[in-house]
Amino acid sequence: MRNRIIDIARGLCIIFVCVFHIVYTPENSLPYNFINSGVWLSIPFFFVLSGYLYKPSRHNIIYRIKSILIPSVKYSFILLVVGGIYCAVFHSYTFRGWLVDVLLTYLRPEFSLDLITLDVPHWNLLLYDIISPVWFIWTMVWTLPVFYALVGYTSKSIRNLVLCCVLLLITSILLYDYSSYFSWSLTLVPVYAAVMFCGSYCANTGVFERIVASRNYMLALIAAAVHFMMFLLCGSPRAFMNELGTIGKWSVIAFFVQTFIGSYALILFCVFLADYKYISDFIEFVGINSLLFMLAHRSFGVVFSDIMGTYIKSGDYWTLDNVTVEIFVKSLTVLVLSLISCSIFIMIKDKK
């Protein structure tokens, strides 16, 4: 049986990611920092949920990895083929250009730059704008074996949990100095594994249920403010590059701590949202289909931004010196059209 509050929380996190990837706001403005601080929470929150939803009766790592990889490969292939056809028709895309672009950008340079030495200006190709979630998927795949190996040791003993988390965070701090030797997805594994262990422990001790029952919205506002200030003082949304913050090695600790401060605020905000039916129903729908929204929102966004003739965040245009009202409104329109298109795509899929 699905938990409505969790699905709303998952949906809200994905919407933060969609906004972060598509909507332009003036750099270092309040909206800009608010969106980025939301992403700084959204990414680790999925690992909290992954640990929280773990069931010892379903202790099957192969099934868990397949449940992530198979739909990711399936729908990524569909989106890349359709995107390639669109680029071929409207932008004189060649098969070679499509193939190189997929390998160098969609699969991300962390995996493929050492394998491909072709001098191709892939940063200027349209498919690059489909910001790939591959790093997130691979991080989850690498984190799961660590989690499954130690979850029995940490799930019922606070002493074992603390010991394991300390060792993992120390490992993350060490990797901070040597991150250039590893892919982006690997350097984040220890800190995300620690987050998952804490999520599992929370499930066993009923922490989530107590937070929901408390409805302490004042404390949630304070937690949200603390999370936002932590982001401003030492955070970075570029978690996929292991750029967790601006305070060096201590960024790992700050990132870990803010995850649970922000999660407290997020859960109670979702409890509040649940009383507003139509808004919460849509966010819940996004949460139930979070993987597909994550995979598809940029693909649709690229097409709509191309049709409208506006910038879309990526490559040379990730930030703009002058975000005009027109650019903001157009990017917001692209976001809405992208979310609608993802919803239609999912409904068509479900009917088949």
Protein backbone atom coordinates (compact mmCIF):
# COMPACT_ATOMS: atom_id res chain seq x y z
CA MET A 1 0.00 0.00 0.00
CA ARG A 2 1.41 3.37 -1.06
CA ASN A 3 2.00 6.16 1.42
CA ARG A 4 0.41 9.37 0.11
CA ILE A 5 2.70 11.73 2.04
CA ILE A 6 5.80 9.97 0.75
CA ASP A 7 4.53 10.13 -2.84
CA ILE A 8 3.81 13.85 -2.46
CA ALA A 9 7.31 14.38 -1.05
CA ARG A 10 8.83 12.41 -3.91
CA GLY A 11 6.82 14.42 -6.43
CA LEU A 12 7.82 17.73 -4.89
CA CYS A 13 11.49 16.72 -5.09
CA ILE A 14 11.19 15.84 -8.77
CA ILE A 15 9.43 19.14 -9.49
CA PHE A 16 12.33 20.96 -7.80
CA VAL A 17 14.71 19.10 -10.12
CA CYS A 18 12.57 19.97 -13.17
CA VAL A 19 12.49 23.65 -12.21
CA PHE A 20 16.24 23.61 -11.58
CA HIS A 21 16.88 22.13 -15.05
CA ILE A 22 14.54 24.39 -17.02
CA VAL A 23 13.56 27.70 -15.38
CA TYR A 24 15.86 30.72 -15.54
CA THR A 25 16.04 33.10 -12.58
CA PRO A 26 18.54 35.91 -11.98
CA GLU A 27 21.71 34.38 -10.58
CA ASN A 28 22.08 34.69 -6.79
CA SER A 29 18.57 36.09 -6.45
CA LEU A 30 16.18 34.78 -3.77
CA PRO A 31 14.27 32.53 -6.26
CA TYR A 32 17.59 31.23 -7.62
CA ASN A 33 18.87 30.29 -4.16
CA PHE A 34 15.50 28.86 -3.12
CA ILE A 35 15.41 26.53 -6.14
CA ASN A 36 19.03 25.49 -5.66
CA SER A 37 18.57 24.82 -1.95
CA GLY A 38 15.56 22.67 -2.86
CA VAL A 39 17.71 20.61 -5.21
CA TRP A 40 20.40 20.32 -2.52
CA LEU A 41 17.73 18.53 -0.46
CA SER A 42 15.83 16.72 -3.23
CA ILE A 43 18.71 14.53 -4.42
CA PRO A 44 19.67 13.01 -1.03
CA PHE A 45 16.02 12.79 0.01
CA PHE A 46 15.49 10.09 -2.63
CA PHE A 47 18.19 8.07 -0.89
CA VAL A 48 16.50 8.65 2.48
CA LEU A 49 13.29 7.26 0.95
CA SER A 50 15.11 4.36 -0.63
CA GLY A 51 16.41 3.35 2.80
CA TYR A 52 13.08 4.04 4.47
CA LEU A 53 11.15 1.87 2.01
CA TYR A 54 13.56 -1.06 2.31
CA LYS A 55 11.83 -4.24 3.52
CA PRO A 56 13.91 -7.10 4.99
CA SER A 57 11.37 -9.51 3.53
CA ARG A 58 12.39 -8.27 0.07
CA HIS A 59 16.14 -8.48 0.58
CA ASN A 60 16.94 -8.95 -3.10
CA ILE A 61 19.57 -6.59 -4.49
CA ILE A 62 19.36 -7.99 -8.03
CA TYR A 63 15.63 -7.25 -8.19
CA ARG A 64 16.20 -3.74 -6.78
CA ILE A 65 18.89 -2.87 -9.31
CA LYS A 66 16.86 -4.29 -12.21
CA SER A 67 13.84 -2.25 -11.13
CA ILE A 68 15.96 0.88 -11.60
CA LEU A 69 18.02 -0.04 -14.65
CA ILE A 70 15.48 -1.74 -16.91
CA PRO A 71 12.92 1.11 -17.10
CA SER A 72 15.75 3.65 -17.25
CA VAL A 73 17.35 1.95 -20.26
CA LYS A 74 13.99 1.32 -21.94
CA TYR A 75 12.62 4.85 -21.75
CA SER A 76 15.98 6.54 -22.27
CA PHE A 77 16.33 4.61 -25.54
CA ILE A 78 12.87 5.72 -26.69
CA LEU A 79 13.57 9.36 -25.81
CA LEU A 80 16.99 9.37 -27.48
CA VAL A 81 15.66 7.82 -30.68
CA VAL A 82 12.75 10.27 -30.88
CA GLY A 83 15.10 13.15 -30.00
CA GLY A 84 17.54 12.04 -32.69
CA ILE A 85 14.79 11.96 -35.32
CA TYR A 86 13.63 15.43 -34.27
CA CYS A 87 17.19 16.77 -34.54
CA ALA A 88 17.68 15.08 -37.91
CA VAL A 89 14.51 16.62 -39.33
CA PHE A 90 14.92 20.14 -37.95
CA HIS A 91 18.67 20.51 -37.35
CA SER A 92 20.42 18.38 -40.01
CA TYR A 93 21.58 15.87 -37.43
CA THR A 94 23.63 12.93 -38.72
CA PHE A 95 23.67 9.43 -37.27
CA ARG A 96 27.34 9.85 -36.37
CA GLY A 97 26.59 13.12 -34.60
CA TRP A 98 23.72 11.48 -32.73
CA LEU A 99 25.86 8.51 -31.65
CA VAL A 100 28.78 10.63 -30.47
CA ASP A 101 26.44 13.02 -28.70
CA VAL A 102 24.69 10.17 -26.88
CA LEU A 103 27.99 8.64 -25.77
CA LEU A 104 29.66 11.91 -24.76
CA THR A 105 26.72 13.71 -23.21
CA TYR A 106 23.72 11.57 -22.39
CA LEU A 107 25.91 8.83 -20.92
CA ARG A 108 28.00 11.69 -19.47
CA PRO A 109 31.73 12.36 -19.89
CA GLU A 110 32.55 10.58 -16.62
CA PHE A 111 32.09 7.27 -18.42
CA SER A 112 32.97 7.95 -22.01
CA LEU A 113 35.58 10.69 -22.49
CA ASP A 114 38.43 8.22 -21.94
CA LEU A 115 36.90 5.84 -24.48
CA ILE A 116 36.17 8.32 -27.26
CA THR A 117 38.83 10.70 -28.56
CA LEU A 118 36.87 12.19 -31.48
CA ASP A 119 37.10 15.96 -31.66
CA VAL A 120 33.40 16.73 -31.90
CA PRO A 121 31.85 19.98 -30.64
CA HIS A 122 29.21 18.06 -28.70
CA TRP A 123 28.56 20.99 -26.37
CA ASN A 124 26.81 22.74 -29.24
CA LEU A 125 24.62 19.80 -30.25
CA LEU A 126 20.97 19.88 -29.29
CA LEU A 127 20.85 16.48 -27.63
CA TYR A 128 23.34 17.71 -25.06
CA ASP A 129 20.48 19.75 -23.67
CA ILE A 130 18.78 16.57 -22.53
CA ILE A 131 20.46 16.66 -19.12
CA SER A 132 20.99 13.04 -18.32
CA PRO A 133 19.93 11.42 -15.04
CA VAL A 134 22.47 8.67 -15.66
CA TRP A 135 24.76 9.92 -12.86
CA PHE A 136 21.91 9.61 -10.34
CA ILE A 137 20.93 6.14 -11.53
CA TRP A 138 24.53 4.89 -11.42
CA THR A 139 25.04 6.37 -7.96
CA MET A 140 21.99 4.47 -6.74
CA VAL A 141 23.25 1.27 -8.38
CA TRP A 142 26.69 1.64 -6.75
CA THR A 143 25.17 2.55 -3.37
CA LEU A 144 22.80 -0.41 -3.17
CA PRO A 145 25.49 -3.12 -2.66
CA VAL A 146 26.96 -1.13 0.25
CA PHE A 147 23.51 -0.70 1.73
CA TYR A 148 22.46 -4.33 1.33
CA ALA A 149 25.75 -5.58 2.77
CA LEU A 150 25.44 -3.59 6.01
CA VAL A 151 21.75 -2.81 6.53
CA GLY A 152 21.27 -5.79 8.85
CA TYR A 153 24.11 -4.46 11.01
CA THR A 154 22.79 -0.88 11.24
CA SER A 155 18.99 -1.06 11.13
CA LYS A 156 18.31 -1.92 14.79
CA SER A 157 21.31 -0.60 16.71
CA ILE A 158 21.94 3.12 17.08
CA ARG A 159 25.55 2.38 18.08
CA ASN A 160 26.16 0.36 14.92
CA LEU A 161 24.38 3.00 12.83
CA VAL A 162 26.54 5.83 14.19
CA LEU A 163 29.74 3.80 13.75
CA CYS A 164 28.88 2.89 10.17
CA CYS A 165 27.86 6.45 9.24
CA VAL A 166 31.06 7.90 10.75
CA LEU A 167 33.21 5.47 8.75
CA LEU A 168 31.30 6.19 5.54
CA LEU A 169 31.51 9.96 5.99
CA ILE A 170 35.24 9.71 6.67
CA THR A 171 35.53 7.73 3.43
CA SER A 172 33.61 10.49 1.62
CA ILE A 173 35.91 13.12 3.09
CA LEU A 174 38.97 11.16 1.87
CA LEU A 175 37.41 10.77 -1.57
CA TYR A 176 36.92 14.54 -1.64
CA ASP A 177 40.70 14.89 -2.06
CA TYR A 178 40.94 12.19 -4.71
CA SER A 179 37.66 12.69 -6.57
CA SER A 180 39.48 13.29 -9.86
CA TYR A 181 40.45 9.61 -9.90
CA PHE A 182 36.84 8.40 -9.74
CA SER A 183 33.64 9.00 -11.67
CA TRP A 184 31.23 11.53 -10.19
CA SER A 185 28.78 8.78 -9.34
CA LEU A 186 31.32 6.77 -7.32
CA THR A 187 32.57 9.63 -5.14
CA LEU A 188 29.09 10.15 -3.69
CA VAL A 189 28.43 6.52 -2.78
CA PRO A 190 29.63 6.59 0.88
CA VAL A 191 27.63 9.66 1.89
CA TYR A 192 24.49 8.41 0.15
CA ALA A 193 24.89 4.97 1.71
CA ALA A 194 25.03 6.66 5.14
CA VAL A 195 21.85 8.56 4.26
CA MET A 196 20.13 5.30 3.26
CA PHE A 197 21.10 3.59 6.52
CA CYS A 198 19.56 6.46 8.47
CA GLY A 199 16.40 6.18 6.37
CA SER A 200 16.14 2.48 7.17
CA TYR A 201 16.67 3.14 10.87
CA CYS A 202 13.91 5.77 10.81
CA ALA A 203 11.53 3.19 9.32
CA ASN A 204 12.28 0.71 12.11
CA THR A 205 11.80 3.28 14.87
CA GLY A 206 8.66 5.00 13.57
CA VAL A 207 10.30 8.42 13.19
CA PHE A 208 8.32 9.26 10.05
CA GLU A 209 4.99 8.46 11.68
CA ARG A 210 5.83 10.62 14.71
CA ILE A 211 6.79 13.57 12.48
CA VAL A 212 3.52 13.31 10.53
CA ALA A 213 1.46 13.00 13.71
CA SER A 214 3.16 15.98 15.36
CA ARG A 215 2.07 18.51 12.69
CA ASN A 216 4.54 20.92 14.27
CA TYR A 217 4.53 23.42 11.42
CA MET A 218 6.38 26.09 13.41
CA LEU A 219 9.32 23.77 13.97
CA ALA A 220 9.13 22.81 10.29
CA LEU A 221 9.45 26.49 9.29
CA ILE A 222 12.50 26.82 11.53
CA ALA A 223 14.00 23.65 9.98
CA ALA A 224 13.34 25.00 6.48
CA ALA A 225 15.04 28.30 7.37
CA VAL A 226 18.05 26.45 8.84
CA HIS A 227 18.31 24.29 5.73
CA PHE A 228 18.16 27.37 3.48
CA MET A 229 20.82 29.17 5.51
CA MET A 230 23.07 26.08 5.45
CA PHE A 231 22.81 26.08 1.69
CA LEU A 232 23.64 29.80 1.45
CA LEU A 233 26.63 29.48 3.78
CA CYS A 234 28.18 26.21 2.61
CA GLY A 235 26.05 24.49 -0.03
CA SER A 236 26.14 23.78 -3.74
CA PRO A 237 23.43 22.23 -5.93
CA ARG A 238 26.11 20.56 -8.06
CA ALA A 239 26.03 17.37 -6.01
CA PHE A 240 26.48 15.33 -9.19
CA MET A 241 30.02 16.73 -9.44
CA ASN A 242 30.68 16.01 -5.74
CA GLU A 243 30.66 19.79 -5.28
CA LEU A 244 28.64 19.44 -2.10
CA GLY A 245 29.55 22.87 -0.81
CA THR A 246 32.04 25.66 -0.36
CA ILE A 247 33.74 24.66 2.90
CA GLY A 248 36.03 21.95 1.60
CA LYS A 249 35.96 18.54 3.26
CA TRP A 250 33.46 19.72 5.85
CA SER A 251 30.92 20.09 3.05
CA VAL A 252 30.36 16.34 3.29
CA ILE A 253 29.24 16.68 6.93
CA ALA A 254 27.09 19.73 6.19
CA PHE A 255 25.44 17.93 3.27
CA PHE A 256 24.67 14.91 5.46
CA VAL A 257 23.25 16.97 8.34
CA GLN A 258 21.12 19.26 6.17
CA THR A 259 19.50 16.24 4.54
CA PHE A 260 17.65 15.37 7.74
CA ILE A 261 16.93 18.96 8.78
CA GLY A 262 15.45 19.66 5.36
CA SER A 263 13.63 16.31 5.27
CA TYR A 264 11.79 17.17 8.48
CA ALA A 265 10.53 20.41 6.93
CA LEU A 266 9.70 18.71 3.63
CA ILE A 267 7.60 15.94 5.21
CA LEU A 268 5.50 18.37 7.24
CA PHE A 269 5.06 20.66 4.25
CA CYS A 270 3.71 17.66 2.33
CA VAL A 271 1.33 16.91 5.23
CA PHE A 272 0.09 20.49 4.85
CA LEU A 273 -0.20 20.15 1.05
CA ALA A 274 -2.19 16.92 1.33
CA ASP A 275 -5.23 18.95 2.46
CA TYR A 276 -5.34 20.74 -0.92
CA LYS A 277 -6.73 18.05 -3.16
CA TYR A 278 -6.04 19.10 -6.76
CA ILE A 279 -2.54 20.40 -6.10
CA SER A 280 -1.56 17.42 -3.97
CA ASP A 281 -3.15 14.96 -6.44
CA PHE A 282 -0.90 16.19 -9.25
CA ILE A 283 2.23 16.25 -7.07
CA GLU A 284 1.37 12.74 -5.87
CA PHE A 285 1.01 11.62 -9.52
CA VAL A 286 4.49 13.02 -10.22
CA GLY A 287 5.83 11.18 -7.18
CA ILE A 288 4.35 7.85 -8.19
CA ASN A 289 5.95 8.26 -11.63
CA SER A 290 9.09 10.02 -10.42
CA LEU A 291 11.54 7.97 -12.49
CA LEU A 292 9.76 8.72 -15.76
CA PHE A 293 9.44 12.42 -14.96
CA MET A 294 13.15 12.49 -14.18
CA LEU A 295 14.01 10.75 -17.45
CA ALA A 296 11.64 12.66 -19.73
CA HIS A 297 11.20 16.24 -18.51
CA ARG A 298 14.31 17.58 -20.24
CA SER A 299 13.56 15.79 -23.49
CA PHE A 300 10.21 17.53 -23.80
CA GLY A 301 11.72 20.76 -22.51
CA VAL A 302 14.33 20.79 -25.29
CA VAL A 303 11.69 20.45 -28.00
CA PHE A 304 9.45 23.19 -26.59
CA SER A 305 12.35 25.58 -26.00
CA ASP A 306 13.53 24.93 -29.55
CA ILE A 307 10.06 25.67 -30.94
CA MET A 308 9.72 28.82 -28.83
CA GLY A 309 13.23 29.99 -29.67
CA THR A 310 14.35 30.48 -26.08
CA TYR A 311 17.40 29.32 -24.16
CA ILE A 312 17.32 26.17 -22.10
CA LYS A 313 19.77 25.49 -19.31
CA SER A 314 22.76 23.52 -20.47
CA GLY A 315 26.28 23.90 -21.77
CA ASP A 316 27.12 27.51 -22.54
CA TYR A 317 23.64 28.64 -21.52
CA TRP A 318 23.38 27.10 -18.05
CA THR A 319 23.48 30.61 -16.58
CA LEU A 320 22.72 33.92 -18.29
CA ASP A 321 24.14 37.31 -17.40
CA ASN A 322 20.80 38.98 -18.02
CA VAL A 323 17.64 36.99 -17.28
CA THR A 324 14.91 39.16 -18.77
CA VAL A 325 11.23 38.85 -17.98
CA GLU A 326 10.74 37.33 -21.44
CA ILE A 327 13.35 34.61 -20.83
CA PHE A 328 11.89 33.84 -17.40
CA VAL A 329 8.31 33.61 -18.71
CA LYS A 330 9.34 31.48 -21.70
CA SER A 331 11.36 29.09 -19.52
CA LEU A 332 8.44 28.84 -17.09
CA THR A 333 6.14 28.06 -20.04
CA VAL A 334 8.58 25.37 -21.18
CA LEU A 335 8.47 23.87 -17.69
CA VAL A 336 4.65 23.72 -17.67
CA LEU A 337 4.52 22.22 -21.17
CA SER A 338 7.19 19.71 -20.20
CA LEU A 339 5.28 18.57 -17.10
CA ILE A 340 2.05 18.28 -19.10
CA SER A 341 3.81 16.28 -21.83
CA CYS A 342 5.38 13.94 -19.27
CA SER A 343 1.94 13.37 -17.75
CA ILE A 344 0.39 12.57 -21.13
CA PHE A 345 3.28 10.25 -21.97
CA ILE A 346 2.77 8.36 -18.70
CA MET A 347 -1.00 8.10 -19.14
CA ILE A 348 -0.55 6.72 -22.68
CA LYS A 349 1.99 4.22 -21.35
CA ASP A 350 -0.35 3.10 -18.57
CA LYS A 351 -3.24 2.49 -20.98
CA LYS A 352 -1.22 0.09 -23.09
